[in-house]
N, C-alpha and C. Protein backbone atom coordinates (compact mmCIF):
# COMPACT_ATOMS: atom_id res chain seq x y z
N UNK A 1 71.56 42.81 -63.24
CA UNK A 1 70.10 43.97 -63.03
C UNK A 1 70.70 45.09 -64.08
N UNK A 2 69.53 46.01 -65.07
CA UNK A 2 69.84 46.51 -65.81
C UNK A 2 69.14 47.75 -65.30
N UNK A 3 69.47 49.12 -65.42
CA UNK A 3 69.56 50.51 -65.50
C UNK A 3 67.90 50.80 -64.93
N UNK A 4 67.93 51.16 -63.85
CA UNK A 4 66.27 51.80 -63.25
C UNK A 4 65.70 50.15 -62.69
N UNK A 5 66.20 49.02 -63.02
CA UNK A 5 65.75 47.92 -62.25
C UNK A 5 65.67 47.88 -60.83
N UNK A 6 64.57 47.13 -60.03
CA UNK A 6 64.45 46.94 -58.71
C UNK A 6 64.75 45.71 -58.30
N UNK A 7 64.59 45.66 -57.07
CA UNK A 7 64.87 44.14 -56.53
C UNK A 7 64.64 44.13 -55.30
N UNK A 8 63.52 43.10 -54.71
CA UNK A 8 62.96 43.17 -53.45
C UNK A 8 63.31 42.07 -53.20
N UNK A 9 63.93 41.86 -51.92
CA UNK A 9 64.40 40.78 -51.05
C UNK A 9 63.35 40.86 -49.95
N UNK A 10 62.60 39.53 -49.91
CA UNK A 10 61.31 39.74 -48.92
C UNK A 10 62.13 38.41 -47.63
N UNK A 11 61.52 38.80 -46.48
CA UNK A 11 61.34 37.29 -45.75
C UNK A 11 60.62 36.98 -45.93
N UNK A 12 60.88 35.62 -45.11
CA UNK A 12 59.32 34.88 -45.55
C UNK A 12 58.16 34.91 -44.46
N UNK A 13 58.68 35.70 -43.14
CA UNK A 13 57.41 36.50 -42.52
C UNK A 13 56.27 37.27 -42.99
N UNK A 14 57.20 38.12 -44.51
CA UNK A 14 56.23 39.13 -45.40
C UNK A 14 55.08 38.20 -46.09
N UNK A 15 55.44 36.96 -46.99
CA UNK A 15 54.96 36.46 -47.48
C UNK A 15 54.25 35.55 -46.47
N UNK A 16 54.37 34.83 -45.32
CA UNK A 16 53.37 34.02 -44.50
C UNK A 16 52.59 34.80 -43.41
N UNK A 17 52.77 36.21 -43.80
CA UNK A 17 51.69 37.22 -43.00
C UNK A 17 49.80 36.43 -43.42
N UNK A 18 49.28 36.20 -42.37
CA UNK A 18 48.05 35.43 -42.72
C UNK A 18 46.91 36.46 -42.48
N UNK A 19 45.87 36.31 -42.99
CA UNK A 19 44.52 37.07 -42.39
C UNK A 19 43.73 35.81 -41.94
N UNK A 20 42.36 36.94 -41.17
CA UNK A 20 41.26 36.36 -40.45
C UNK A 20 41.05 34.89 -40.83
N UNK A 21 41.04 34.57 -41.92
CA UNK A 21 40.84 33.17 -42.53
C UNK A 21 41.64 32.33 -43.09
N UNK A 22 42.79 32.53 -42.06
CA UNK A 22 44.61 31.86 -41.77
C UNK A 22 44.88 31.85 -43.40
N UNK A 23 44.72 32.37 -44.39
CA UNK A 23 45.15 32.33 -45.60
C UNK A 23 46.28 33.05 -45.98
N UNK A 24 47.47 32.77 -46.25
CA UNK A 24 49.39 33.68 -46.86
C UNK A 24 48.95 34.81 -47.62
N UNK A 25 49.69 35.55 -47.25
CA UNK A 25 49.50 37.01 -48.09
C UNK A 25 50.11 36.55 -48.97
N UNK A 26 51.04 35.87 -49.27
CA UNK A 26 51.85 34.67 -50.34
C UNK A 26 52.08 35.75 -51.55
N UNK A 27 53.14 34.99 -52.19
CA UNK A 27 53.67 35.41 -53.63
C UNK A 27 53.29 36.30 -54.29
N UNK A 28 51.68 35.60 -54.81
CA UNK A 28 51.02 36.77 -55.94
C UNK A 28 50.53 38.08 -55.61
N UNK A 29 50.14 37.91 -54.05
CA UNK A 29 49.70 39.30 -53.85
C UNK A 29 51.31 40.39 -53.11
N UNK A 30 52.14 39.85 -53.40
CA UNK A 30 53.58 40.56 -52.86
C UNK A 30 53.49 40.59 -54.45
N UNK A 31 53.60 39.93 -55.78
CA UNK A 31 54.01 40.68 -56.60
C UNK A 31 53.13 41.93 -57.31
N UNK A 32 52.06 41.76 -56.69
CA UNK A 32 50.63 42.40 -57.06
C UNK A 32 50.96 43.96 -56.57
N UNK A 33 51.45 43.96 -55.59
CA UNK A 33 51.93 45.26 -54.68
C UNK A 33 52.87 45.48 -55.37
N UNK A 34 54.24 45.33 -55.47
CA UNK A 34 55.27 45.40 -56.25
C UNK A 34 54.74 45.59 -57.35
N UNK A 35 54.19 45.52 -58.22
CA UNK A 35 53.43 46.09 -59.48
C UNK A 35 53.12 47.34 -59.57
N UNK A 36 52.22 47.74 -58.57
CA UNK A 36 51.22 48.73 -58.55
C UNK A 36 52.26 49.54 -57.84
N UNK A 37 53.00 49.50 -57.00
CA UNK A 37 54.16 50.54 -56.75
C UNK A 37 55.45 50.55 -57.86
N UNK A 38 55.18 49.89 -58.86
CA UNK A 38 56.82 50.01 -59.55
C UNK A 38 56.94 51.96 -60.07
N UNK A 39 56.49 52.65 -60.25
CA UNK A 39 56.57 53.37 -60.70
C UNK A 39 57.16 54.69 -59.74
N UNK A 40 56.47 54.00 -58.18
CA UNK A 40 56.65 55.12 -57.17
C UNK A 40 58.34 54.88 -56.51
N UNK A 41 58.70 56.08 -56.08
CA UNK A 41 60.12 56.45 -55.63
C UNK A 41 60.10 54.86 -54.35
N UNK A 42 61.50 54.33 -54.02
CA UNK A 42 61.35 53.17 -53.59
C UNK A 42 60.74 53.63 -51.83
N UNK A 43 61.16 54.96 -50.89
CA UNK A 43 60.36 54.60 -50.37
C UNK A 43 59.05 54.97 -50.07
N UNK A 44 58.20 55.28 -51.02
CA UNK A 44 56.95 55.32 -51.74
C UNK A 44 56.41 54.03 -51.80
N UNK A 45 57.70 53.04 -52.75
CA UNK A 45 56.76 51.76 -53.09
C UNK A 45 56.83 50.86 -51.49
N UNK A 46 58.30 51.03 -51.07
CA UNK A 46 57.76 50.64 -49.48
C UNK A 46 56.76 50.49 -48.27
N UNK A 47 56.24 51.58 -48.14
CA UNK A 47 55.29 52.17 -47.53
C UNK A 47 54.04 51.35 -48.59
N UNK A 48 53.67 51.36 -49.42
CA UNK A 48 52.63 51.01 -49.97
C UNK A 48 52.44 49.41 -50.15
N UNK A 49 53.84 48.86 -50.11
CA UNK A 49 53.86 47.69 -49.77
C UNK A 49 53.44 47.09 -48.32
N UNK A 50 54.05 47.87 -47.67
CA UNK A 50 53.85 47.55 -46.09
C UNK A 50 51.95 47.40 -45.87
N UNK A 51 51.81 48.88 -46.33
CA UNK A 51 50.08 49.19 -45.99
C UNK A 51 49.76 48.29 -46.65
N UNK A 52 49.44 47.41 -47.81
CA UNK A 52 48.63 46.61 -47.92
C UNK A 52 48.71 45.13 -47.47
N UNK A 53 50.23 45.00 -46.86
CA UNK A 53 50.04 43.60 -46.04
C UNK A 53 49.50 44.42 -44.46
N UNK A 54 49.75 45.11 -44.67
CA UNK A 54 48.97 45.83 -43.04
C UNK A 54 47.34 45.74 -43.44
N UNK A 55 46.87 45.83 -44.49
CA UNK A 55 45.33 45.92 -44.74
C UNK A 55 45.07 43.82 -44.72
N UNK A 56 45.93 43.44 -45.06
CA UNK A 56 45.64 42.12 -45.00
C UNK A 56 45.88 41.72 -43.52
N UNK A 57 46.71 41.69 -43.05
CA UNK A 57 46.65 41.10 -42.13
C UNK A 57 46.20 41.80 -40.33
N UNK A 58 45.46 42.49 -40.61
CA UNK A 58 45.11 43.31 -39.71
C UNK A 58 44.27 42.59 -39.13
N UNK A 59 43.07 41.86 -39.43
CA UNK A 59 42.29 41.25 -39.27
C UNK A 59 43.10 39.31 -38.84
N UNK A 60 43.95 39.08 -38.87
CA UNK A 60 44.67 37.68 -39.04
C UNK A 60 45.65 38.24 -37.85
N UNK A 61 47.25 37.60 -38.42
CA UNK A 61 47.97 37.80 -37.68
C UNK A 61 48.06 39.04 -36.87
N UNK A 62 47.86 40.11 -37.40
CA UNK A 62 48.18 41.28 -35.99
C UNK A 62 46.83 41.41 -35.05
N UNK A 63 46.04 40.88 -35.22
CA UNK A 63 44.58 40.81 -34.00
C UNK A 63 45.35 39.82 -32.93
N UNK A 64 45.73 38.92 -34.03
CA UNK A 64 46.30 37.77 -32.43
C UNK A 64 47.38 38.43 -31.79
N UNK A 65 47.88 38.56 -32.68
CA UNK A 65 49.27 39.20 -32.10
C UNK A 65 49.42 40.13 -31.49
N UNK A 66 48.19 41.06 -31.09
CA UNK A 66 48.25 42.29 -30.01
C UNK A 66 48.69 43.66 -31.01
N UNK A 67 48.80 44.12 -32.58
CA UNK A 67 48.87 44.60 -33.54
C UNK A 67 50.50 44.32 -33.74
N UNK A 68 51.05 43.98 -33.66
CA UNK A 68 52.12 43.24 -34.26
C UNK A 68 51.90 42.23 -35.17
N UNK A 69 53.04 42.28 -36.42
CA UNK A 69 53.05 41.40 -37.08
C UNK A 69 53.45 39.49 -36.32
N UNK A 70 52.93 38.87 -36.90
CA UNK A 70 53.76 37.22 -36.22
C UNK A 70 55.11 37.17 -36.66
N UNK A 71 55.36 37.88 -37.37
CA UNK A 71 57.05 37.44 -37.85
C UNK A 71 57.50 38.91 -38.44
N UNK A 72 58.83 38.73 -38.69
CA UNK A 72 59.23 39.38 -39.05
C UNK A 72 59.16 39.82 -40.79
N UNK A 73 58.94 41.39 -41.20
CA UNK A 73 58.47 41.82 -42.04
C UNK A 73 59.65 42.66 -42.64
N UNK A 74 60.92 42.91 -42.64
CA UNK A 74 61.85 43.77 -43.05
C UNK A 74 61.81 43.60 -44.14
N UNK A 75 61.84 44.73 -45.27
CA UNK A 75 61.65 44.96 -46.58
C UNK A 75 63.33 45.46 -47.21
N UNK A 76 63.96 44.87 -47.59
CA UNK A 76 64.86 45.21 -48.51
C UNK A 76 64.40 45.86 -50.28
N UNK A 77 64.44 46.77 -50.29
CA UNK A 77 64.19 46.75 -51.97
C UNK A 77 64.82 47.71 -52.52
N UNK A 78 65.94 47.69 -53.75
CA UNK A 78 66.51 48.31 -54.24
C UNK A 78 66.79 48.80 -55.57
N UNK A 79 67.02 50.13 -55.93
CA UNK A 79 66.61 50.29 -57.29
C UNK A 79 68.59 50.84 -57.69
N UNK A 80 68.98 50.21 -59.24
CA UNK A 80 69.54 50.19 -59.60
C UNK A 80 70.26 51.59 -60.17
N UNK A 81 70.53 52.22 -59.98
CA UNK A 81 70.69 53.95 -61.07
C UNK A 81 71.17 53.39 -62.46
């Protein structure tokens, strides 16, 4: 990793979150969310990624699971100084 590079280690629960049509959030949406937050501080980038995920899954997995995600959505995001 070069200086200022970021590394995201997502669990499968993040990419496998489903919407109301039973579609996965997927790697494409995760890459888009990470790119949109690329210049933000890490805490803000994490918040932004999780907000996109919540928006996506709120009528799917989260509705079926009483407001919680169906699987783990822990997120490790690091930046090299």
